[in-house]
Amino acid sequence: MTWLVEDWKQFMRWWSVRFAALVVMAPLLYQQFAQLQQYVPPTVFNYGMSFLGVLVIFGRLKAQADT
């Protein structure tokens, strides 16, 4: 059993990796921009990040199931 998928060197083409990068960067950006905090309440932001996190998990599971 191998832990890496066969085409792991092309990881930037995977949408799940892009969503994961967004999940990592969004909280940092949210705290830096006060204007964003005025338009997006913290609860909505947290639910959105949770939803994107679930999308990352399902995307990776689907990609690994396809190989």
PDB file of N, CA and C in Angstrom:
ATOM      1  N   MET A   1       0.843  -1.183   0.000  1.00  0.00           N
ATOM      2  CA  MET A   1       0.000   0.000   0.000  1.00  0.00           C
ATOM      3  C   MET A   1       0.888   1.247   0.000  1.00  0.00           C
ATOM      4  N   THR A   2       0.612   2.137  -0.908  1.00  0.00           N
ATOM      5  CA  THR A   2       1.372   3.383  -0.988  1.00  0.00           C
ATOM      6  C   THR A   2       0.517   4.549  -0.518  1.00  0.00           C
ATOM      7  N   TRP A   3       1.152   5.513   0.080  1.00  0.00           N
ATOM      8  CA  TRP A   3       0.419   6.662   0.633  1.00  0.00           C
ATOM      9  C   TRP A   3       0.228   7.765  -0.386  1.00  0.00           C
ATOM     10  N   LEU A   4       1.015   7.790  -1.431  1.00  0.00           N
ATOM     11  CA  LEU A   4       0.914   8.837  -2.430  1.00  0.00           C
ATOM     12  C   LEU A   4       0.172   8.329  -3.658  1.00  0.00           C
ATOM     13  N   VAL A   5      -0.596   9.221  -4.267  1.00  0.00           N
ATOM     14  CA  VAL A   5      -1.233   8.864  -5.529  1.00  0.00           C
ATOM     15  C   VAL A   5      -0.166   8.895  -6.623  1.00  0.00           C
ATOM     16  N   GLU A   6      -0.441   8.253  -7.734  1.00  0.00           N
ATOM     17  CA  GLU A   6       0.564   8.088  -8.779  1.00  0.00           C
ATOM     18  C   GLU A   6       1.026   9.416  -9.385  1.00  0.00           C
ATOM     19  N   ASP A   7       0.104  10.366  -9.554  1.00  0.00           N
ATOM     20  CA  ASP A   7       0.472  11.623 -10.208  1.00  0.00           C
ATOM     21  C   ASP A   7       0.645  12.758  -9.196  1.00  0.00           C
ATOM     22  N   TRP A   8       1.269  12.474  -8.075  1.00  0.00           N
ATOM     23  CA  TRP A   8       1.396  13.463  -7.010  1.00  0.00           C
ATOM     24  C   TRP A   8       2.221  14.677  -7.419  1.00  0.00           C
ATOM     25  N   LYS A   9       3.057  14.553  -8.420  1.00  0.00           N
ATOM     26  CA  LYS A   9       3.878  15.684  -8.854  1.00  0.00           C
ATOM     27  C   LYS A   9       3.044  16.752  -9.566  1.00  0.00           C
ATOM     28  N   GLN A  10       1.828  16.433  -9.922  1.00  0.00           N
ATOM     29  CA  GLN A  10       0.943  17.392 -10.578  1.00  0.00           C
ATOM     30  C   GLN A  10      -0.107  17.917  -9.610  1.00  0.00           C
ATOM     31  N   PHE A  11       0.269  18.032  -8.335  1.00  0.00           N
ATOM     32  CA  PHE A  11      -0.698  18.382  -7.296  1.00  0.00           C
ATOM     33  C   PHE A  11      -1.352  19.749  -7.506  1.00  0.00           C
ATOM     34  N   MET A  12      -0.701  20.694  -8.162  1.00  0.00           N
ATOM     35  CA  MET A  12      -1.297  22.014  -8.342  1.00  0.00           C
ATOM     36  C   MET A  12      -2.472  21.986  -9.321  1.00  0.00           C
ATOM     37  N   ARG A  13      -2.633  20.922 -10.053  1.00  0.00           N
ATOM     38  CA  ARG A  13      -3.772  20.802 -10.960  1.00  0.00           C
ATOM     39  C   ARG A  13      -5.020  20.304 -10.236  1.00  0.00           C
ATOM     40  N   TRP A  14      -4.844  19.783  -9.029  1.00  0.00           N
ATOM     41  CA  TRP A  14      -5.976  19.217  -8.292  1.00  0.00           C
ATOM     42  C   TRP A  14      -6.762  20.319  -7.619  1.00  0.00           C
ATOM     43  N   TRP A  15      -8.069  20.332  -7.803  1.00  0.00           N
ATOM     44  CA  TRP A  15      -8.926  21.340  -7.181  1.00  0.00           C
ATOM     45  C   TRP A  15      -8.950  21.193  -5.671  1.00  0.00           C
ATOM     46  N   SER A  16      -8.810  19.991  -5.171  1.00  0.00           N
ATOM     47  CA  SER A  16      -8.825  19.810  -3.720  1.00  0.00           C
ATOM     48  C   SER A  16      -7.633  20.502  -3.064  1.00  0.00           C
ATOM     49  N   VAL A  17      -6.497  20.543  -3.742  1.00  0.00           N
ATOM     50  CA  VAL A  17      -5.328  21.237  -3.201  1.00  0.00           C
ATOM     51  C   VAL A  17      -5.565  22.744  -3.237  1.00  0.00           C
ATOM     52  N   ARG A  18      -6.204  23.218  -4.272  1.00  0.00           N
ATOM     53  CA  ARG A  18      -6.505  24.656  -4.347  1.00  0.00           C
ATOM     54  C   ARG A  18      -7.488  25.062  -3.261  1.00  0.00           C
ATOM     55  N   PHE A  19      -8.517  24.231  -3.030  1.00  0.00           N
ATOM     56  CA  PHE A  19      -9.455  24.521  -1.941  1.00  0.00           C
ATOM     57  C   PHE A  19      -8.758  24.466  -0.592  1.00  0.00           C
ATOM     58  N   ALA A  20      -7.834  23.541  -0.415  1.00  0.00           N
ATOM     59  CA  ALA A  20      -7.092  23.445   0.847  1.00  0.00           C
ATOM     60  C   ALA A  20      -6.253  24.702   1.059  1.00  0.00           C
ATOM     61  N   ALA A  21      -5.638  25.210   0.021  1.00  0.00           N
ATOM     62  CA  ALA A  21      -4.867  26.451   0.139  1.00  0.00           C
ATOM     63  C   ALA A  21      -5.776  27.610   0.510  1.00  0.00           C
ATOM     64  N   LEU A  22      -6.974  27.639  -0.043  1.00  0.00           N
ATOM     65  CA  LEU A  22      -7.935  28.682   0.307  1.00  0.00           C
ATOM     66  C   LEU A  22      -8.359  28.574   1.763  1.00  0.00           C
ATOM     67  N   VAL A  23      -8.574  27.356   2.236  1.00  0.00           N
ATOM     68  CA  VAL A  23      -8.958  27.143   3.638  1.00  0.00           C
ATOM     69  C   VAL A  23      -7.840  27.611   4.570  1.00  0.00           C
ATOM     70  N   VAL A  24      -6.602  27.426   4.168  1.00  0.00           N
ATOM     71  CA  VAL A  24      -5.473  27.848   5.004  1.00  0.00           C
ATOM     72  C   VAL A  24      -5.295  29.368   4.967  1.00  0.00           C
ATOM     73  N   MET A  25      -5.429  29.976   3.807  1.00  0.00           N
ATOM     74  CA  MET A  25      -5.165  31.404   3.663  1.00  0.00           C
ATOM     75  C   MET A  25      -6.321  32.305   4.090  1.00  0.00           C
ATOM     76  N   ALA A  26      -7.548  31.835   3.968  1.00  0.00           N
ATOM     77  CA  ALA A  26      -8.708  32.683   4.235  1.00  0.00           C
ATOM     78  C   ALA A  26      -8.751  33.239   5.662  1.00  0.00           C
ATOM     79  N   PRO A  27      -8.505  32.442   6.707  1.00  0.00           N
ATOM     80  CA  PRO A  27      -8.526  33.032   8.052  1.00  0.00           C
ATOM     81  C   PRO A  27      -7.467  34.110   8.248  1.00  0.00           C
ATOM     82  N   LEU A  28      -6.322  33.946   7.612  1.00  0.00           N
ATOM     83  CA  LEU A  28      -5.281  34.970   7.715  1.00  0.00           C
ATOM     84  C   LEU A  28      -5.718  36.263   7.047  1.00  0.00           C
ATOM     85  N   LEU A  29      -6.301  36.146   5.871  1.00  0.00           N
ATOM     86  CA  LEU A  29      -6.789  37.324   5.162  1.00  0.00           C
ATOM     87  C   LEU A  29      -7.966  37.963   5.880  1.00  0.00           C
ATOM     88  N   TYR A  30      -8.831  37.152   6.450  1.00  0.00           N
ATOM     89  CA  TYR A  30     -10.011  37.659   7.152  1.00  0.00           C
ATOM     90  C   TYR A  30      -9.602  38.539   8.334  1.00  0.00           C
ATOM     91  N   GLN A  31      -8.574  38.150   9.047  1.00  0.00           N
ATOM     92  CA  GLN A  31      -8.139  38.926  10.202  1.00  0.00           C
ATOM     93  C   GLN A  31      -7.404  40.195   9.797  1.00  0.00           C
ATOM     94  N   GLN A  32      -6.824  40.228   8.606  1.00  0.00           N
ATOM     95  CA  GLN A  32      -6.049  41.380   8.170  1.00  0.00           C
ATOM     96  C   GLN A  32      -6.903  42.502   7.569  1.00  0.00           C
ATOM     97  N   PHE A  33      -8.066  42.162   7.056  1.00  0.00           N
ATOM     98  CA  PHE A  33      -8.882  43.149   6.367  1.00  0.00           C
ATOM     99  C   PHE A  33     -10.142  43.455   7.171  1.00  0.00           C
ATOM    100  N   ALA A  34     -10.178  44.633   7.775  1.00  0.00           N
ATOM    101  CA  ALA A  34     -11.331  45.029   8.583  1.00  0.00           C
ATOM    102  C   ALA A  34     -12.583  45.196   7.717  1.00  0.00           C
ATOM    103  N   GLN A  35     -12.411  45.634   6.464  1.00  0.00           N
ATOM    104  CA  GLN A  35     -13.561  45.806   5.583  1.00  0.00           C
ATOM    105  C   GLN A  35     -14.269  44.481   5.340  1.00  0.00           C
ATOM    106  N   LEU A  36     -13.516  43.426   5.205  1.00  0.00           N
ATOM    107  CA  LEU A  36     -14.099  42.106   4.987  1.00  0.00           C
ATOM    108  C   LEU A  36     -14.904  41.666   6.199  1.00  0.00           C
ATOM    109  N   GLN A  37     -14.413  41.985   7.378  1.00  0.00           N
ATOM    110  CA  GLN A  37     -15.113  41.622   8.605  1.00  0.00           C
ATOM    111  C   GLN A  37     -16.427  42.377   8.757  1.00  0.00           C
ATOM    112  N   GLN A  38     -16.535  43.551   8.154  1.00  0.00           N
ATOM    113  CA  GLN A  38     -17.789  44.305   8.203  1.00  0.00           C
ATOM    114  C   GLN A  38     -18.870  43.662   7.344  1.00  0.00           C
ATOM    115  N   TYR A  39     -18.478  43.045   6.246  1.00  0.00           N
ATOM    116  CA  TYR A  39     -19.450  42.466   5.319  1.00  0.00           C
ATOM    117  C   TYR A  39     -19.737  40.993   5.590  1.00  0.00           C
ATOM    118  N   VAL A  40     -18.784  40.287   6.153  1.00  0.00           N
ATOM    119  CA  VAL A  40     -18.959  38.858   6.412  1.00  0.00           C
ATOM    120  C   VAL A  40     -18.853  38.628   7.922  1.00  0.00           C
ATOM    121  N   PRO A  41     -19.971  38.322   8.573  1.00  0.00           N
ATOM    122  CA  PRO A  41     -19.915  38.064  10.020  1.00  0.00           C
ATOM    123  C   PRO A  41     -19.081  36.822  10.333  1.00  0.00           C
ATOM    124  N   PRO A  42     -18.496  36.767  11.527  1.00  0.00           N
ATOM    125  CA  PRO A  42     -17.643  35.621  11.881  1.00  0.00           C
ATOM    126  C   PRO A  42     -18.345  34.270  11.772  1.00  0.00           C
ATOM    127  N   THR A  43     -19.623  34.198  12.121  1.00  0.00           N
ATOM    128  CA  THR A  43     -20.314  32.906  12.042  1.00  0.00           C
ATOM    129  C   THR A  43     -20.437  32.436  10.592  1.00  0.00           C
ATOM    130  N   VAL A  44     -20.761  33.344   9.687  1.00  0.00           N
ATOM    131  CA  VAL A  44     -20.868  32.990   8.266  1.00  0.00           C
ATOM    132  C   VAL A  44     -19.497  32.565   7.738  1.00  0.00           C
ATOM    133  N   PHE A  45     -18.470  33.302   8.130  1.00  0.00           N
ATOM    134  CA  PHE A  45     -17.117  32.957   7.702  1.00  0.00           C
ATOM    135  C   PHE A  45     -16.718  31.567   8.194  1.00  0.00           C
ATOM    136  N   ASN A  46     -16.997  31.275   9.459  1.00  0.00           N
ATOM    137  CA  ASN A  46     -16.641  29.968  10.020  1.00  0.00           C
ATOM    138  C   ASN A  46     -17.389  28.831   9.337  1.00  0.00           C
ATOM    139  N   TYR A  47     -18.676  29.029   9.058  1.00  0.00           N
ATOM    140  CA  TYR A  47     -19.427  28.000   8.332  1.00  0.00           C
ATOM    141  C   TYR A  47     -18.885  27.810   6.924  1.00  0.00           C
ATOM    142  N   GLY A  48     -18.502  28.898   6.275  1.00  0.00           N
ATOM    143  CA  GLY A  48     -17.929  28.797   4.931  1.00  0.00           C
ATOM    144  C   GLY A  48     -16.619  28.028   4.924  1.00  0.00           C
ATOM    145  N   MET A  49     -15.773  28.299   5.908  1.00  0.00           N
ATOM    146  CA  MET A  49     -14.500  27.577   5.993  1.00  0.00           C
ATOM    147  C   MET A  49     -14.727  26.098   6.309  1.00  0.00           C
ATOM    148  N   SER A  50     -15.706  25.807   7.141  1.00  0.00           N
ATOM    149  CA  SER A  50     -16.029  24.406   7.436  1.00  0.00           C
ATOM    150  C   SER A  50     -16.511  23.696   6.178  1.00  0.00           C
ATOM    151  N   PHE A  51     -17.355  24.379   5.402  1.00  0.00           N
ATOM    152  CA  PHE A  51     -17.860  23.801   4.159  1.00  0.00           C
ATOM    153  C   PHE A  51     -16.715  23.529   3.182  1.00  0.00           C
ATOM    154  N   LEU A  52     -15.792  24.490   3.044  1.00  0.00           N
ATOM    155  CA  LEU A  52     -14.648  24.278   2.157  1.00  0.00           C
ATOM    156  C   LEU A  52     -13.759  23.145   2.655  1.00  0.00           C
ATOM    157  N   GLY A  53     -13.612  23.028   3.965  1.00  0.00           N
ATOM    158  CA  GLY A  53     -12.836  21.924   4.519  1.00  0.00           C
ATOM    159  C   GLY A  53     -13.440  20.574   4.178  1.00  0.00           C
ATOM    160  N   VAL A  54     -14.761  20.488   4.244  1.00  0.00           N
ATOM    161  CA  VAL A  54     -15.449  19.238   3.890  1.00  0.00           C
ATOM    162  C   VAL A  54     -15.272  18.956   2.398  1.00  0.00           C
ATOM    163  N   LEU A  55     -15.329  19.998   1.573  1.00  0.00           N
ATOM    164  CA  LEU A  55     -15.091  19.813   0.137  1.00  0.00           C
ATOM    165  C   LEU A  55     -13.686  19.270  -0.128  1.00  0.00           C
ATOM    166  N   VAL A  56     -12.705  19.757   0.614  1.00  0.00           N
ATOM    167  CA  VAL A  56     -11.333  19.258   0.459  1.00  0.00           C
ATOM    168  C   VAL A  56     -11.275  17.774   0.786  1.00  0.00           C
ATOM    169  N   ILE A  57     -11.891  17.393   1.891  1.00  0.00           N
ATOM    170  CA  ILE A  57     -11.874  15.982   2.293  1.00  0.00           C
ATOM    171  C   ILE A  57     -12.528  15.106   1.235  1.00  0.00           C
ATOM    172  N   PHE A  58     -13.712  15.493   0.785  1.00  0.00           N
ATOM    173  CA  PHE A  58     -14.398  14.694  -0.228  1.00  0.00           C
ATOM    174  C   PHE A  58     -13.637  14.680  -1.550  1.00  0.00           C
ATOM    175  N   GLY A  59     -13.038  15.800  -1.918  1.00  0.00           N
ATOM    176  CA  GLY A  59     -12.261  15.849  -3.153  1.00  0.00           C
ATOM    177  C   GLY A  59     -11.069  14.919  -3.119  1.00  0.00           C
ATOM    178  N   ARG A  60     -10.370  14.889  -1.996  1.00  0.00           N
ATOM    179  CA  ARG A  60      -9.218  13.992  -1.885  1.00  0.00           C
ATOM    180  C   ARG A  60      -9.666  12.536  -1.843  1.00  0.00           C
ATOM    181  N   LEU A  61     -10.749  12.246  -1.154  1.00  0.00           N
ATOM    182  CA  LEU A  61     -11.237  10.870  -1.110  1.00  0.00           C
ATOM    183  C   LEU A  61     -11.646  10.387  -2.499  1.00  0.00           C
ATOM    184  N   LYS A  62     -12.316  11.271  -3.243  1.00  0.00           N
ATOM    185  CA  LYS A  62     -12.716  10.908  -4.598  1.00  0.00           C
ATOM    186  C   LYS A  62     -11.500  10.691  -5.484  1.00  0.00           C
ATOM    187  N   ALA A  63     -10.504  11.577  -5.370  1.00  0.00           N
ATOM    188  CA  ALA A  63      -9.304  11.457  -6.206  1.00  0.00           C
ATOM    189  C   ALA A  63      -8.546  10.176  -5.881  1.00  0.00           C
ATOM    190  N   GLN A  64      -8.487   9.799  -4.625  1.00  0.00           N
ATOM    191  CA  GLN A  64      -7.766   8.583  -4.272  1.00  0.00           C
ATOM    192  C   GLN A  64      -8.566   7.341  -4.614  1.00  0.00           C
ATOM    193  N   ALA A  65      -9.892   7.443  -4.613  1.00  0.00           N
ATOM    194  CA  ALA A  65     -10.717   6.304  -4.988  1.00  0.00           C
ATOM    195  C   ALA A  65     -10.621   6.044  -6.498  1.00  0.00           C
ATOM    196  N   ASP A  66     -10.384   7.104  -7.275  1.00  0.00           N
ATOM    197  CA  ASP A  66     -10.288   6.962  -8.732  1.00  0.00           C
ATOM    198  C   ASP A  66      -8.995   6.292  -9.164  1.00  0.00           C
ATOM    199  N   THR A  67      -7.963   6.324  -8.327  1.00  0.00           N
ATOM    200  CA  THR A  67      -6.682   5.756  -8.752  1.00  0.00           C
ATOM    201  C   THR A  67      -6.588   4.303  -8.401  1.00  0.00           C
TER     202      THR A  67
END
